[in-house]
C-alpha cells in the first residue's frame, strides 16, 4: 500500500498542506489547514471505480495508466 503524507506548513501568508510537493490553497489558521488535510486524507481512502489517469512526471513527461479503484493509499497528516 502506498503511503501518502499531508504536511501542514506556513505558506503564502497563511497555512496550507503539501502532498508530494504540491500545495493546497492557503488557510487562515493551522487548525483550518489541518482539518482540510484530514478531510482530503479520508477521501483518499474511499474505494471507487477503475479509471484512466494522465499525469506529468517531474521532468514534464506525460504518463497514462489505469488506476484501480480498490488500490487506495495509506494517508497520514503531519504537523
PDB file of N, CA and C in Angstrom:
ATOM      1  N   UNK A   1       0.840  -1.179   0.000  1.00  0.00           N
ATOM      2  CA  UNK A   1       0.000   0.000   0.000  1.00  0.00           C
ATOM      3  C   UNK A   1       0.885   1.242   0.000  1.00  0.00           C
ATOM      4  N   UNK A   2       0.552   2.173  -0.840  1.00  0.00           N
ATOM      5  CA  UNK A   2       1.303   3.412  -0.958  1.00  0.00           C
ATOM      6  C   UNK A   2       1.023   4.319   0.232  1.00  0.00           C
ATOM      7  N   UNK A   3       2.068   4.890   0.799  1.00  0.00           N
ATOM      8  CA  UNK A   3       1.930   5.856   1.895  1.00  0.00           C
ATOM      9  C   UNK A   3       1.897   7.260   1.285  1.00  0.00           C
ATOM     10  N   UNK A   4       0.977   8.082   1.753  1.00  0.00           N
ATOM     11  CA  UNK A   4       0.861   9.467   1.319  1.00  0.00           C
ATOM     12  C   UNK A   4       0.855  10.336   2.568  1.00  0.00           C
ATOM     13  N   UNK A   5       1.723  11.355   2.589  1.00  0.00           N
ATOM     14  CA  UNK A   5       1.810  12.225   3.762  1.00  0.00           C
ATOM     15  C   UNK A   5       1.361  13.634   3.400  1.00  0.00           C
ATOM     16  N   UNK A   6       0.435  14.155   4.181  1.00  0.00           N
ATOM     17  CA  UNK A   6      -0.029  15.539   4.083  1.00  0.00           C
ATOM     18  C   UNK A   6       0.726  16.315   5.157  1.00  0.00           C
ATOM     19  N   UNK A   7       1.552  17.271   4.731  1.00  0.00           N
ATOM     20  CA  UNK A   7       2.352  18.052   5.667  1.00  0.00           C
ATOM     21  C   UNK A   7       1.759  19.453   5.812  1.00  0.00           C
ATOM     22  N   UNK A   8       1.484  19.860   7.036  1.00  0.00           N
ATOM     23  CA  UNK A   8       0.945  21.188   7.307  1.00  0.00           C
ATOM     24  C   UNK A   8       2.127  22.144   7.504  1.00  0.00           C
ATOM     25  N   UNK A   9       2.095  23.305   6.842  1.00  0.00           N
ATOM     26  CA  UNK A   9       3.186  24.275   6.968  1.00  0.00           C
ATOM     27  C   UNK A   9       2.681  25.669   6.631  1.00  0.00           C
ATOM     28  N   UNK A  10       3.449  26.673   7.060  1.00  0.00           N
ATOM     29  CA  UNK A  10       3.137  28.047   6.686  1.00  0.00           C
ATOM     30  C   UNK A  10       3.388  28.207   5.186  1.00  0.00           C
ATOM     31  N   UNK A  11       2.475  28.917   4.525  1.00  0.00           N
ATOM     32  CA  UNK A  11       2.581  29.075   3.070  1.00  0.00           C
ATOM     33  C   UNK A  11       1.771  30.278   2.619  1.00  0.00           C
ATOM     34  N   UNK A  12       2.368  31.121   1.815  1.00  0.00           N
ATOM     35  CA  UNK A  12       1.677  32.273   1.210  1.00  0.00           C
ATOM     36  C   UNK A  12       0.943  33.144   2.224  1.00  0.00           C
ATOM     37  N   UNK A  13       1.543  33.405   3.353  1.00  0.00           N
ATOM     38  CA  UNK A  13       0.936  34.279   4.349  1.00  0.00           C
ATOM     39  C   UNK A  13      -0.125  33.615   5.209  1.00  0.00           C
ATOM     40  N   UNK A  14      -0.234  32.319   5.138  1.00  0.00           N
ATOM     41  CA  UNK A  14      -1.204  31.581   5.950  1.00  0.00           C
ATOM     42  C   UNK A  14      -0.688  30.179   6.185  1.00  0.00           C
ATOM     43  N   UNK A  15      -1.586  29.214   6.152  1.00  0.00           N
ATOM     44  CA  UNK A  15      -1.243  27.814   6.377  1.00  0.00           C
ATOM     45  C   UNK A  15      -1.819  26.974   5.248  1.00  0.00           C
ATOM     46  N   UNK A  16      -1.116  25.917   4.891  1.00  0.00           N
ATOM     47  CA  UNK A  16      -1.574  25.037   3.827  1.00  0.00           C
ATOM     48  C   UNK A  16      -1.047  23.633   4.107  1.00  0.00           C
ATOM     49  N   UNK A  17      -1.513  22.674   3.319  1.00  0.00           N
ATOM     50  CA  UNK A  17      -0.918  21.344   3.381  1.00  0.00           C
ATOM     51  C   UNK A  17      -0.253  21.049   2.045  1.00  0.00           C
ATOM     52  N   UNK A  18       0.774  20.212   2.102  1.00  0.00           N
ATOM     53  CA  UNK A  18       1.550  19.862   0.919  1.00  0.00           C
ATOM     54  C   UNK A  18       1.575  18.346   0.793  1.00  0.00           C
ATOM     55  N   UNK A  19       1.352  17.870  -0.421  1.00  0.00           N
ATOM     56  CA  UNK A  19       1.411  16.443  -0.720  1.00  0.00           C
ATOM     57  C   UNK A  19       2.348  16.270  -1.914  1.00  0.00           C
ATOM     58  N   UNK A  20       3.441  15.556  -1.691  1.00  0.00           N
ATOM     59  CA  UNK A  20       4.414  15.289  -2.751  1.00  0.00           C
ATOM     60  C   UNK A  20       4.791  16.554  -3.523  1.00  0.00           C
ATOM     61  N   UNK A  21       5.010  17.642  -2.802  1.00  0.00           N
ATOM     62  CA  UNK A  21       5.454  18.897  -3.403  1.00  0.00           C
ATOM     63  C   UNK A  21       4.364  19.822  -3.893  1.00  0.00           C
ATOM     64  N   UNK A  22       3.116  19.371  -3.921  1.00  0.00           N
ATOM     65  CA  UNK A  22       2.000  20.210  -4.389  1.00  0.00           C
ATOM     66  C   UNK A  22       1.284  20.824  -3.188  1.00  0.00           C
ATOM     67  N   UNK A  23       1.093  22.140  -3.229  1.00  0.00           N
ATOM     68  CA  UNK A  23       0.434  22.858  -2.129  1.00  0.00           C
ATOM     69  C   UNK A  23      -1.067  22.943  -2.336  1.00  0.00           C
ATOM     70  N   UNK A  24      -1.790  22.909  -1.232  1.00  0.00           N
ATOM     71  CA  UNK A  24      -3.230  23.176  -1.253  1.00  0.00           C
ATOM     72  C   UNK A  24      -3.437  24.683  -1.317  1.00  0.00           C
ATOM     73  N   UNK A  25      -4.695  25.083  -1.291  1.00  0.00           N
ATOM     74  CA  UNK A  25      -4.982  26.503  -1.120  1.00  0.00           C
ATOM     75  C   UNK A  25      -4.511  26.913   0.276  1.00  0.00           C
ATOM     76  N   UNK A  26      -4.432  28.215   0.501  1.00  0.00           N
ATOM     77  CA  UNK A  26      -3.976  28.739   1.787  1.00  0.00           C
ATOM     78  C   UNK A  26      -5.175  28.932   2.719  1.00  0.00           C
ATOM     79  N   UNK A  27      -4.967  28.587   3.979  1.00  0.00           N
ATOM     80  CA  UNK A  27      -5.990  28.722   5.012  1.00  0.00           C
ATOM     81  C   UNK A  27      -5.509  29.737   6.048  1.00  0.00           C
ATOM     82  N   UNK A  28      -6.436  30.402   6.747  1.00  0.00           N
ATOM     83  CA  UNK A  28      -6.020  31.444   7.688  1.00  0.00           C
ATOM     84  C   UNK A  28      -5.345  30.905   8.947  1.00  0.00           C
ATOM     85  N   UNK A  29      -5.618  29.656   9.320  1.00  0.00           N
ATOM     86  CA  UNK A  29      -5.047  29.103  10.553  1.00  0.00           C
ATOM     87  C   UNK A  29      -4.484  27.712  10.318  1.00  0.00           C
ATOM     88  N   UNK A  30      -3.599  27.318  11.223  1.00  0.00           N
ATOM     89  CA  UNK A  30      -3.036  25.966  11.189  1.00  0.00           C
ATOM     90  C   UNK A  30      -4.152  24.948  11.345  1.00  0.00           C
ATOM     91  N   UNK A  31      -5.088  25.209  12.251  1.00  0.00           N
ATOM     92  CA  UNK A  31      -6.188  24.276  12.510  1.00  0.00           C
ATOM     93  C   UNK A  31      -7.053  24.066  11.263  1.00  0.00           C
ATOM     94  N   UNK A  32      -7.333  25.146  10.558  1.00  0.00           N
ATOM     95  CA  UNK A  32      -8.144  25.033   9.337  1.00  0.00           C
ATOM     96  C   UNK A  32      -7.410  24.216   8.265  1.00  0.00           C
ATOM     97  N   UNK A  33      -6.110  24.428   8.124  1.00  0.00           N
ATOM     98  CA  UNK A  33      -5.331  23.659   7.149  1.00  0.00           C
ATOM     99  C   UNK A  33      -5.283  22.185   7.543  1.00  0.00           C
ATOM    100  N   UNK A  34      -5.135  21.911   8.825  1.00  0.00           N
ATOM    101  CA  UNK A  34      -5.089  20.520   9.292  1.00  0.00           C
ATOM    102  C   UNK A  34      -6.426  19.821   9.052  1.00  0.00           C
ATOM    103  N   UNK A  35      -7.525  20.499   9.346  1.00  0.00           N
ATOM    104  CA  UNK A  35      -8.844  19.898   9.108  1.00  0.00           C
ATOM    105  C   UNK A  35      -9.054  19.600   7.625  1.00  0.00           C
ATOM    106  N   UNK A  36      -8.615  20.508   6.755  1.00  0.00           N
ATOM    107  CA  UNK A  36      -8.739  20.285   5.314  1.00  0.00           C
ATOM    108  C   UNK A  36      -7.872  19.096   4.877  1.00  0.00           C
ATOM    109  N   UNK A  37      -6.670  18.985   5.428  1.00  0.00           N
ATOM    110  CA  UNK A  37      -5.790  17.866   5.098  1.00  0.00           C
ATOM    111  C   UNK A  37      -6.385  16.549   5.587  1.00  0.00           C
ATOM    112  N   UNK A  38      -6.955  16.553   6.780  1.00  0.00           N
ATOM    113  CA  UNK A  38      -7.575  15.333   7.312  1.00  0.00           C
ATOM    114  C   UNK A  38      -8.765  14.914   6.452  1.00  0.00           C
ATOM    115  N   UNK A  39      -9.550  15.878   5.991  1.00  0.00           N
ATOM    116  CA  UNK A  39     -10.691  15.581   5.120  1.00  0.00           C
ATOM    117  C   UNK A  39     -10.203  14.989   3.792  1.00  0.00           C
ATOM    118  N   UNK A  40      -9.176  15.606   3.202  1.00  0.00           N
ATOM    119  CA  UNK A  40      -8.630  15.102   1.935  1.00  0.00           C
ATOM    120  C   UNK A  40      -8.047  13.697   2.114  1.00  0.00           C
ATOM    121  N   UNK A  41      -7.384  13.455   3.239  1.00  0.00           N
ATOM    122  CA  UNK A  41      -6.807  12.132   3.511  1.00  0.00           C
ATOM    123  C   UNK A  41      -7.906  11.080   3.642  1.00  0.00           C
ATOM    124  N   UNK A  42      -8.984  11.423   4.327  1.00  0.00           N
ATOM    125  CA  UNK A  42     -10.112  10.481   4.460  1.00  0.00           C
ATOM    126  C   UNK A  42     -10.708  10.149   3.106  1.00  0.00           C
ATOM    127  N   UNK A  43     -10.867  11.170   2.267  1.00  0.00           N
ATOM    128  CA  UNK A  43     -11.457  10.962   0.942  1.00  0.00           C
ATOM    129  C   UNK A  43     -10.597  10.045   0.085  1.00  0.00           C
ATOM    130  N   UNK A  44      -9.298  10.048   0.294  1.00  0.00           N
ATOM    131  CA  UNK A  44      -8.415   9.178  -0.497  1.00  0.00           C
ATOM    132  C   UNK A  44      -8.595   7.709  -0.165  1.00  0.00           C
ATOM    133  N   UNK A  45      -9.158   7.403   0.977  1.00  0.00           N
ATOM    134  CA  UNK A  45      -9.306   6.003   1.370  1.00  0.00           C
ATOM    135  C   UNK A  45     -10.592   5.378   0.855  1.00  0.00           C
ATOM    136  N   UNK A  46     -11.476   6.176   0.262  1.00  0.00           N
ATOM    137  CA  UNK A  46     -12.755   5.672  -0.230  1.00  0.00           C
ATOM    138  C   UNK A  46     -12.543   4.965  -1.562  1.00  0.00           C
ATOM    139  N   UNK A  47     -12.908   3.675  -1.644  1.00  0.00           N
ATOM    140  CA  UNK A  47     -12.737   2.965  -2.915  1.00  0.00           C
ATOM    141  C   UNK A  47     -13.675   3.516  -3.988  1.00  0.00           C
ATOM    142  N   UNK A  48     -13.294   3.337  -5.218  1.00  0.00           N
ATOM    143  CA  UNK A  48     -14.107   3.809  -6.331  1.00  0.00           C
ATOM    144  C   UNK A  48     -13.995   2.842  -7.496  1.00  0.00           C
ATOM    145  N   UNK A  49     -14.248   3.344  -8.685  1.00  0.00           N
ATOM    146  CA  UNK A  49     -14.168   2.532  -9.896  1.00  0.00           C
ATOM    147  C   UNK A  49     -12.782   2.674 -10.521  1.00  0.00           C
ATOM    148  N   UNK A  50     -12.371   1.667 -11.278  1.00  0.00           N
ATOM    149  CA  UNK A  50     -11.134   1.779 -12.042  1.00  0.00           C
ATOM    150  C   UNK A  50     -11.295   2.952 -13.011  1.00  0.00           C
ATOM    151  N   UNK A  51     -10.230   3.715 -13.191  1.00  0.00           N
ATOM    152  CA  UNK A  51     -10.316   4.872 -14.073  1.00  0.00           C
ATOM    153  C   UNK A  51      -8.972   5.143 -14.729  1.00  0.00           C
ATOM    154  N   UNK A  52      -9.009   5.721 -15.903  1.00  0.00           N
ATOM    155  CA  UNK A  52      -7.786   6.118 -16.586  1.00  0.00           C
ATOM    156  C   UNK A  52      -7.302   7.448 -16.048  1.00  0.00           C
ATOM    157  N   UNK A  53      -5.994   7.574 -15.855  1.00  0.00           N
ATOM    158  CA  UNK A  53      -5.428   8.840 -15.386  1.00  0.00           C
ATOM    159  C   UNK A  53      -4.249   9.231 -16.278  1.00  0.00           C
ATOM    160  N   UNK A  54      -4.020  10.533 -16.368  1.00  0.00           N
ATOM    161  CA  UNK A  54      -2.863  11.087 -17.057  1.00  0.00           C
ATOM    162  C   UNK A  54      -2.190  12.052 -16.096  1.00  0.00           C
ATOM    163  N   UNK A  55      -0.845  12.017 -16.068  1.00  0.00           N
ATOM    164  CA  UNK A  55      -0.137  12.906 -15.162  1.00  0.00           C
ATOM    165  C   UNK A  55       1.274  13.142 -15.682  1.00  0.00           C
ATOM    166  N   UNK A  56       1.839  14.344 -15.380  1.00  0.00           N
ATOM    167  CA  UNK A  56       3.220  14.617 -15.770  1.00  0.00           C
ATOM    168  C   UNK A  56       4.174  14.194 -14.656  1.00  0.00           C
ATOM    169  N   UNK A  57       5.366  13.729 -15.029  1.00  0.00           N
ATOM    170  CA  UNK A  57       6.373  13.451 -14.012  1.00  0.00           C
ATOM    171  C   UNK A  57       7.178  14.734 -13.779  1.00  0.00           C
ATOM    172  N   UNK A  58       8.186  14.659 -12.928  1.00  0.00           N
ATOM    173  CA  UNK A  58       8.964  15.859 -12.583  1.00  0.00           C
ATOM    174  C   UNK A  58       9.709  16.456 -13.775  1.00  0.00           C
ATOM    175  N   UNK A  59       9.974  15.642 -14.789  1.00  0.00           N
ATOM    176  CA  UNK A  59      10.653  16.130 -15.988  1.00  0.00           C
ATOM    177  C   UNK A  59       9.676  16.636 -17.046  1.00  0.00           C
ATOM    178  N   UNK A  60       8.383  16.597 -16.766  1.00  0.00           N
ATOM    179  CA  UNK A  60       7.380  17.101 -17.696  1.00  0.00           C
ATOM    180  C   UNK A  60       6.870  16.083 -18.701  1.00  0.00           C
ATOM    181  N   UNK A  61       7.300  14.823 -18.582  1.00  0.00           N
ATOM    182  CA  UNK A  61       6.792  13.776 -19.484  1.00  0.00           C
ATOM    183  C   UNK A  61       5.441  13.293 -18.973  1.00  0.00           C
ATOM    184  N   UNK A  62       4.509  13.109 -19.892  1.00  0.00           N
ATOM    185  CA  UNK A  62       3.167  12.665 -19.524  1.00  0.00           C
ATOM    186  C   UNK A  62       3.083  11.145 -19.524  1.00  0.00           C
ATOM    187  N   UNK A  63       2.313  10.624 -18.583  1.00  0.00           N
ATOM    188  CA  UNK A  63       2.103   9.182 -18.461  1.00  0.00           C
ATOM    189  C   UNK A  63       0.601   8.921 -18.399  1.00  0.00           C
ATOM    190  N   UNK A  64       0.184   7.788 -18.919  1.00  0.00           N
ATOM    191  CA  UNK A  64      -1.211   7.358 -18.836  1.00  0.00           C
ATOM    192  C   UNK A  64      -1.241   5.955 -18.256  1.00  0.00           C
ATOM    193  N   UNK A  65      -2.172   5.728 -17.350  1.00  0.00           N
ATOM    194  CA  UNK A  65      -2.315   4.398 -16.757  1.00  0.00           C
ATOM    195  C   UNK A  65      -3.721   4.224 -16.202  1.00  0.00           C
ATOM    196  N   UNK A  66      -4.034   3.017 -15.839  1.00  0.00           N
ATOM    197  CA  UNK A  66      -5.315   2.715 -15.195  1.00  0.00           C
ATOM    198  C   UNK A  66      -5.096   2.673 -13.699  1.00  0.00           C
ATOM    199  N   UNK A  67      -5.898   3.431 -12.967  1.00  0.00           N
ATOM    200  CA  UNK A  67      -5.833   3.441 -11.511  1.00  0.00           C
ATOM    201  C   UNK A  67      -6.955   2.552 -10.980  1.00  0.00           C
ATOM    202  N   UNK A  68      -6.595   1.424 -10.359  1.00  0.00           N
ATOM    203  CA  UNK A  68      -7.630   0.548  -9.806  1.00  0.00           C
ATOM    204  C   UNK A  68      -8.378   1.234  -8.658  1.00  0.00           C
ATOM    205  N   UNK A  69      -9.678   1.164  -8.659  1.00  0.00           N
ATOM    206  CA  UNK A  69     -10.483   1.818  -7.641  1.00  0.00           C
ATOM    207  C   UNK A  69     -10.314   1.241  -6.250  1.00  0.00           C
ATOM    208  N   UNK A  70      -9.837   0.017  -6.157  1.00  0.00           N
ATOM    209  CA  UNK A  70      -9.670  -0.611  -4.848  1.00  0.00           C
ATOM    210  C   UNK A  70      -8.270  -0.384  -4.264  1.00  0.00           C
ATOM    211  N   UNK A  71      -7.337   0.124  -5.053  1.00  0.00           N
ATOM    212  CA  UNK A  71      -5.961   0.328  -4.627  1.00  0.00           C
ATOM    213  C   UNK A  71      -5.813   1.709  -3.995  1.00  0.00           C
ATOM    214  N   UNK A  72      -6.183   1.831  -2.739  1.00  0.00           N
ATOM    215  CA  UNK A  72      -6.199   3.117  -2.060  1.00  0.00           C
ATOM    216  C   UNK A  72      -4.925   3.310  -1.246  1.00  0.00           C
ATOM    217  N   UNK A  73      -4.435   4.543  -1.127  1.00  0.00           N
ATOM    218  CA  UNK A  73      -3.216   4.800  -0.349  1.00  0.00           C
ATOM    219  C   UNK A  73      -3.485   4.790   1.154  1.00  0.00           C
ATOM    220  N   UNK A  74      -2.414   4.788   1.901  1.00  0.00           N
ATOM    221  CA  UNK A  74      -2.456   4.879   3.362  1.00  0.00           C
ATOM    222  C   UNK A  74      -2.018   6.303   3.735  1.00  0.00           C
ATOM    223  N   UNK A  75      -2.976   7.241   3.857  1.00  0.00           N
ATOM    224  CA  UNK A  75      -2.591   8.630   4.115  1.00  0.00           C
ATOM    225  C   UNK A  75      -2.353   8.919   5.597  1.00  0.00           C
ATOM    226  N   UNK A  76      -1.464   9.881   5.844  1.00  0.00           N
ATOM    227  CA  UNK A  76      -1.255  10.384   7.201  1.00  0.00           C
ATOM    228  C   UNK A  76      -1.079  11.891   7.133  1.00  0.00           C
ATOM    229  N   UNK A  77      -1.399  12.576   8.224  1.00  0.00           N
ATOM    230  CA  UNK A  77      -1.278  14.030   8.310  1.00  0.00           C
ATOM    231  C   UNK A  77      -0.223  14.350   9.360  1.00  0.00           C
ATOM    232  N   UNK A  78       0.745  15.192   8.985  1.00  0.00           N
ATOM    233  CA  UNK A  78       1.818  15.595   9.912  1.00  0.00           C
ATOM    234  C   UNK A  78       1.812  17.094  10.057  1.00  0.00           C
ATOM    235  N   UNK A  79       2.046  17.554  11.264  1.00  0.00           N
ATOM    236  CA  UNK A  79       2.206  18.990  11.502  1.00  0.00           C
ATOM    237  C   UNK A  79       1.031  19.618  12.187  1.00  0.00           C
TER     238      UNK A  79
END
